[in-house]
Amino acid sequence: MASVLITGTSAGIGLATALTVARAGHTVYATMRNPARSPELAETAAKERLPIHISTMDVDSDSSVKTGIEAIYREAKHLDVLVNNAGLGESGSVEELPLARMRAVMETNYFGPLRCIQAVVPEMRQRRSGCIINISSAAGKIANSPSGSYAASKFALEAISEALAQEMISFHVRVAIVEPGIIDTAMARRVKDQPTGPEVYPQQRRFADLFAASLRNPAQPSVVAEKVLEIIDSGTMQLRHPVGPDSEPLLAWRRSMTDEEWVALHGASDDVWYERLERDFGMEIRPRI
């Protein structure tokens, strides 16, 4: 069985992935910023006697990642799999979202995985074995307002993952990108419930309506966790893995349009936008009155 490091395991996809992977018999090293504030994983692991070791690690911090992974290596001796899951979401127009919040998204979603990758790759390369799984998003291939800062971080993560895969293949280290669609997590529900003030850009309100419609029949974090386990166990060399009921349809929808058609649609009037999405996806997106 594999030794698996998973970041961002306090809730949502990370929590589900840690439990799913451990229940399959793998040894999980689960990290989060503050384990004391998120006891659910520890409680479940103790109740089910799962091979889960929880530790503190902040992927935004060079020193935290260095000391955290060094401590895991002292216990695990080697790591077979790294799952970069820790993530941060922000919503807001390019004009209005403060640069500090944009930087925070990039720090967690892009530089966070890079810190962890650089900490584990030398040992994997020398051992000529390993697997790095980066949790991206359908937003790693699709840019929508008002999630431009989030999409930018995931586009960057996908680009560096693709380059990493080219570097690692001759050392028998696998790289996989997981691209969830809209999953029922706290992050998705914050998008749905995003408050809107005086409307300069209607995209924020409309995007919230899209998330609300999707979350009426929500996909659970477990679907992403099962995909991660499948990648670990299968030995697949496939790079990208859309997951969830709407990920591949969303990606195909984007591919069906030119850049200019895509921009025009999302800059169009409410009537045009709602009508097109409801026609293409077969669900009611306009807010219920």
Protein backbone atom coordinates (compact mmCIF):
# COMPACT_ATOMS: atom_id res chain seq x y z
CA MET A 1 0.00 0.00 0.00
CA ALA A 2 1.04 3.60 -0.61
CA SER A 3 2.06 6.42 1.71
CA VAL A 4 0.02 9.46 0.68
CA LEU A 5 0.43 13.12 1.68
CA ILE A 6 -2.75 15.16 1.25
CA THR A 7 -2.90 18.91 1.91
CA GLY A 8 -5.96 20.91 2.96
CA THR A 9 -7.78 18.07 4.73
CA SER A 10 -9.86 20.06 7.21
CA ALA A 11 -13.07 19.90 5.16
CA GLY A 12 -14.61 19.30 1.75
CA ILE A 13 -12.61 17.50 -0.92
CA GLY A 14 -9.50 17.13 1.23
CA LEU A 15 -11.39 15.56 4.13
CA ALA A 16 -13.27 13.18 1.83
CA THR A 17 -10.06 12.23 0.02
CA ALA A 18 -8.16 11.47 3.23
CA LEU A 19 -10.94 9.18 4.44
CA THR A 20 -11.46 7.46 1.08
CA VAL A 21 -7.75 6.79 0.55
CA ALA A 22 -7.25 5.54 4.12
CA ARG A 23 -10.32 3.30 3.97
CA ALA A 24 -8.74 1.67 0.90
CA GLY A 25 -5.77 0.70 3.08
CA HIS A 26 -3.25 3.39 2.18
CA THR A 27 -1.40 5.31 4.90
CA VAL A 28 -2.43 8.95 4.82
CA TYR A 29 -0.45 11.93 6.07
CA ALA A 30 -3.13 14.60 6.29
CA THR A 31 -2.14 18.22 6.74
CA MET A 32 -4.10 21.37 7.51
CA ARG A 33 -3.39 24.82 8.90
CA ASN A 34 -4.99 24.28 12.29
CA PRO A 35 -6.01 20.72 13.21
CA ALA A 36 -7.49 21.89 16.53
CA ARG A 37 -10.14 23.90 14.68
CA SER A 38 -11.13 20.98 12.44
CA PRO A 39 -11.48 17.85 14.57
CA GLU A 40 -13.76 15.85 12.23
CA LEU A 41 -11.00 13.98 10.42
CA ALA A 42 -9.21 13.01 13.63
CA GLU A 43 -12.45 11.87 15.25
CA THR A 44 -13.46 9.75 12.26
CA ALA A 45 -9.99 8.26 11.91
CA ALA A 46 -9.95 7.28 15.59
CA LYS A 47 -13.46 5.83 15.45
CA GLU A 48 -12.70 3.71 12.36
CA ARG A 49 -9.07 3.03 13.31
CA LEU A 50 -7.86 4.38 9.99
CA PRO A 51 -4.15 4.82 9.11
CA ILE A 52 -4.33 8.63 9.11
CA HIS A 53 -1.64 10.84 10.64
CA ILE A 54 -2.67 14.48 11.02
CA SER A 55 -0.21 17.34 11.24
CA THR A 56 -0.05 21.10 10.94
CA MET A 57 1.13 22.59 7.66
CA ASP A 58 0.41 25.92 5.98
CA VAL A 59 1.12 25.66 2.25
CA ASP A 60 1.51 29.45 2.09
CA SER A 61 4.64 29.27 4.25
CA ASP A 62 8.07 28.12 3.06
CA SER A 63 9.13 27.20 6.59
CA SER A 64 5.87 25.41 7.44
CA VAL A 65 6.06 23.24 4.33
CA LYS A 66 9.77 22.49 4.88
CA THR A 67 9.42 21.49 8.53
CA GLY A 68 6.09 19.75 7.99
CA ILE A 69 7.28 17.51 5.17
CA GLU A 70 10.62 16.83 6.86
CA ALA A 71 8.68 15.55 9.89
CA ILE A 72 6.53 13.33 7.67
CA TYR A 73 9.64 11.89 5.99
CA ARG A 74 11.11 11.03 9.39
CA GLU A 75 8.04 8.90 10.05
CA ALA A 76 7.17 7.65 6.56
CA LYS A 77 10.75 7.25 5.20
CA HIS A 78 9.35 7.93 1.72
CA LEU A 79 6.17 9.27 0.12
CA ASP A 80 4.54 7.47 -2.79
CA VAL A 81 1.87 10.09 -3.52
CA LEU A 82 1.42 13.83 -3.04
CA VAL A 83 -2.11 15.20 -3.38
CA ASN A 84 -2.08 19.00 -3.60
CA ASN A 85 -5.60 19.85 -2.52
CA ALA A 86 -5.35 22.94 -0.31
CA GLY A 87 -7.13 25.76 -2.08
CA LEU A 88 -8.63 29.21 -1.72
CA GLY A 89 -11.51 30.75 -3.66
CA GLU A 90 -12.25 34.41 -4.33
CA SER A 91 -14.98 36.06 -6.32
CA GLY A 92 -14.93 39.55 -7.75
CA SER A 93 -14.37 41.52 -10.90
CA VAL A 94 -10.85 42.29 -12.10
CA GLU A 95 -11.46 45.96 -11.35
CA GLU A 96 -12.90 45.55 -7.89
CA LEU A 97 -11.14 42.59 -6.23
CA PRO A 98 -8.22 43.96 -4.17
CA LEU A 99 -4.76 42.90 -5.30
CA ALA A 100 -4.01 41.53 -1.84
CA ARG A 101 -6.84 39.02 -2.20
CA MET A 102 -5.72 38.10 -5.72
CA ARG A 103 -2.20 37.48 -4.40
CA ALA A 104 -3.59 35.34 -1.59
CA VAL A 105 -5.39 33.10 -4.09
CA MET A 106 -2.23 32.66 -6.16
CA GLU A 107 -0.15 32.01 -3.03
CA THR A 108 -2.35 29.13 -1.89
CA ASN A 109 -3.51 27.67 -5.20
CA TYR A 110 -0.28 27.94 -7.19
CA PHE A 111 2.75 28.56 -5.00
CA GLY A 112 1.38 26.25 -2.29
CA PRO A 113 1.45 23.19 -4.55
CA LEU A 114 4.86 24.26 -5.91
CA ARG A 115 6.32 24.35 -2.40
CA CYS A 116 5.08 20.83 -1.75
CA ILE A 117 6.20 19.56 -5.16
CA GLN A 118 9.72 20.90 -4.73
CA ALA A 119 9.88 19.27 -1.29
CA VAL A 120 8.97 15.76 -2.50
CA VAL A 121 10.21 15.56 -6.11
CA PRO A 122 13.93 15.00 -5.36
CA GLU A 123 13.21 11.83 -3.36
CA MET A 124 10.66 10.58 -5.91
CA ARG A 125 13.06 11.26 -8.77
CA GLN A 126 15.94 9.49 -7.05
CA ARG A 127 13.71 6.54 -6.16
CA ARG A 128 12.25 6.60 -9.70
CA SER A 129 8.75 6.15 -8.38
CA GLY A 130 5.91 8.35 -7.24
CA CYS A 131 2.74 10.17 -8.15
CA ILE A 132 1.79 13.85 -7.86
CA ILE A 133 -1.91 14.68 -8.07
CA ASN A 134 -2.88 18.34 -8.32
CA ILE A 135 -6.49 19.25 -7.60
CA SER A 136 -7.32 21.90 -10.16
CA SER A 137 -10.82 22.69 -11.45
CA ALA A 138 -12.82 22.99 -14.61
CA ALA A 139 -11.84 26.63 -14.02
CA GLY A 140 -8.30 25.55 -14.85
CA LYS A 141 -9.41 25.48 -18.49
CA ILE A 142 -12.37 27.90 -18.39
CA ALA A 143 -12.20 31.55 -17.33
CA ASN A 144 -15.44 33.10 -16.12
CA SER A 145 -16.09 36.43 -14.50
CA PRO A 146 -16.24 36.96 -11.53
CA SER A 147 -13.84 34.07 -10.80
CA GLY A 148 -10.95 35.46 -12.83
CA SER A 149 -8.46 35.37 -9.95
CA TYR A 150 -9.38 31.79 -9.07
CA ALA A 151 -9.22 30.70 -12.71
CA ALA A 152 -5.85 32.41 -13.12
CA SER A 153 -4.42 30.39 -10.22
CA LYS A 154 -5.80 27.14 -11.64
CA PHE A 155 -4.63 27.94 -15.19
CA ALA A 156 -1.16 28.45 -13.69
CA LEU A 157 -1.38 25.19 -11.73
CA GLU A 158 -2.36 23.29 -14.89
CA ALA A 159 0.52 24.81 -16.85
CA ILE A 160 3.15 23.94 -14.25
CA SER A 161 1.65 20.46 -13.88
CA GLU A 162 1.96 19.86 -17.61
CA ALA A 163 5.58 20.98 -17.57
CA LEU A 164 6.29 18.86 -14.49
CA ALA A 165 4.80 15.79 -16.18
CA GLN A 166 7.30 16.20 -19.04
CA GLU A 167 10.19 16.39 -16.57
CA MET A 168 9.06 13.46 -14.44
CA ILE A 169 8.06 10.89 -17.05
CA SER A 170 11.59 9.58 -17.61
CA PHE A 171 11.89 9.05 -13.84
CA HIS A 172 8.64 7.04 -13.70
CA VAL A 173 6.91 9.67 -11.57
CA ARG A 174 3.31 10.19 -12.62
CA VAL A 175 1.61 13.60 -12.67
CA ALA A 176 -2.18 13.96 -12.77
CA ILE A 177 -4.47 16.98 -12.85
CA VAL A 178 -7.96 16.53 -11.38
CA GLU A 179 -10.57 18.97 -12.72
CA PRO A 180 -13.75 18.99 -10.61
CA GLY A 181 -16.82 20.84 -11.77
CA ILE A 182 -19.20 22.41 -9.24
CA ILE A 183 -18.89 20.31 -6.06
CA ASP A 184 -20.89 20.81 -2.88
CA THR A 185 -18.22 22.43 -0.72
CA ALA A 186 -18.11 25.50 1.48
CA MET A 187 -16.23 27.28 -1.31
CA ALA A 188 -19.00 26.58 -3.84
CA ARG A 189 -21.70 27.67 -1.40
CA ARG A 190 -19.88 30.95 -0.81
CA VAL A 191 -20.06 31.61 -4.56
CA LYS A 192 -23.79 30.82 -4.50
CA ASP A 193 -24.37 33.14 -1.54
CA GLN A 194 -22.04 35.91 -2.71
CA PRO A 195 -23.61 39.25 -1.75
CA THR A 196 -24.07 41.75 -4.54
CA GLY A 197 -24.00 45.49 -4.08
CA PRO A 198 -24.61 48.20 -6.66
CA GLU A 199 -24.30 46.33 -9.93
CA VAL A 200 -21.47 47.37 -12.20
CA TYR A 201 -20.83 43.86 -13.52
CA PRO A 202 -23.82 41.46 -13.77
CA GLN A 203 -21.55 38.42 -14.12
CA GLN A 204 -21.24 38.01 -10.34
CA ARG A 205 -25.00 37.75 -9.85
CA ARG A 206 -25.41 35.41 -12.81
CA PHE A 207 -22.53 33.17 -11.74
CA ALA A 208 -24.10 32.89 -8.28
CA ASP A 209 -27.34 31.80 -9.95
CA LEU A 210 -25.49 29.12 -11.94
CA PHE A 211 -23.94 27.73 -8.76
CA ALA A 212 -27.29 27.85 -6.96
CA ALA A 213 -28.91 25.87 -9.77
CA SER A 214 -26.15 23.27 -9.75
CA LEU A 215 -26.24 22.92 -5.97
CA ARG A 216 -29.93 22.08 -6.02
CA ASN A 217 -28.74 18.61 -7.12
CA PRO A 218 -25.22 18.71 -5.71
CA ALA A 219 -22.23 16.54 -6.50
CA GLN A 220 -20.51 15.50 -3.29
CA PRO A 221 -16.77 15.76 -2.51
CA SER A 222 -16.67 11.96 -2.45
CA VAL A 223 -16.77 11.85 -6.27
CA VAL A 224 -13.45 13.70 -6.36
CA ALA A 225 -12.04 11.49 -3.61
CA GLU A 226 -12.92 8.36 -5.58
CA LYS A 227 -11.18 9.77 -8.65
CA VAL A 228 -8.02 10.44 -6.63
CA LEU A 229 -8.07 6.88 -5.31
CA GLU A 230 -8.57 5.57 -8.84
CA ILE A 231 -5.52 7.51 -10.05
CA ILE A 232 -3.40 6.20 -7.16
CA ASP A 233 -4.42 2.57 -7.62
CA SER A 234 -4.62 2.36 -11.41
CA GLY A 235 -1.11 3.48 -12.35
CA THR A 236 -2.63 5.59 -15.12
CA MET A 237 -0.45 8.00 -17.06
CA GLN A 238 -3.44 10.12 -18.11
CA LEU A 239 -2.69 13.76 -17.37
CA ARG A 240 -6.11 15.39 -17.03
CA HIS A 241 -9.12 13.93 -15.22
CA PRO A 242 -12.42 15.86 -15.35
CA VAL A 243 -14.64 14.73 -12.46
CA GLY A 244 -18.22 15.34 -11.43
CA PRO A 245 -21.40 15.44 -13.52
CA ASP A 246 -20.84 18.88 -15.00
CA SER A 247 -17.06 19.08 -15.48
CA GLU A 248 -16.76 17.49 -18.92
CA PRO A 249 -20.00 19.16 -20.18
CA LEU A 250 -18.62 22.55 -19.09
CA LEU A 251 -15.26 21.86 -20.73
CA ALA A 252 -16.94 20.68 -23.94
CA TRP A 253 -19.20 23.75 -23.89
CA ARG A 254 -16.15 26.01 -23.78
CA ARG A 255 -14.46 24.08 -26.59
CA SER A 256 -17.56 24.48 -28.76
CA MET A 257 -17.09 28.27 -28.95
CA THR A 258 -14.41 30.54 -30.32
CA ASP A 259 -12.77 32.94 -27.89
CA GLU A 260 -14.79 35.77 -29.36
CA GLU A 261 -18.07 33.86 -29.01
CA TRP A 262 -17.22 33.02 -25.41
CA VAL A 263 -16.48 36.63 -24.51
CA ALA A 264 -19.59 37.90 -26.30
CA LEU A 265 -21.86 35.41 -24.52
CA HIS A 266 -20.66 36.33 -21.05
CA GLY A 267 -20.82 40.03 -21.87
CA ALA A 268 -24.36 39.78 -23.25
CA SER A 269 -27.62 40.83 -21.63
CA ASP A 270 -29.26 38.79 -18.88
CA ASP A 271 -31.91 37.47 -21.26
CA VAL A 272 -29.34 36.21 -23.76
CA TRP A 273 -27.10 34.68 -21.09
CA TYR A 274 -29.81 32.88 -19.11
CA GLU A 275 -31.54 31.62 -22.24
CA ARG A 276 -28.31 30.20 -23.67
CA LEU A 277 -27.27 28.42 -20.47
CA GLU A 278 -30.72 27.02 -19.82
CA ARG A 279 -30.91 25.75 -23.39
CA ASP A 280 -27.43 24.22 -23.39
CA PHE A 281 -27.58 22.64 -19.93
CA GLY A 282 -31.28 21.83 -19.65
CA MET A 283 -31.79 23.25 -16.19
CA GLU A 284 -33.44 26.28 -14.68
CA ILE A 285 -30.81 28.87 -13.81
CA ARG A 286 -32.81 32.08 -13.46
CA PRO A 287 -33.41 32.81 -9.79
CA ARG A 288 -36.65 31.44 -8.40
CA ILE A 289 -39.01 34.15 -7.20
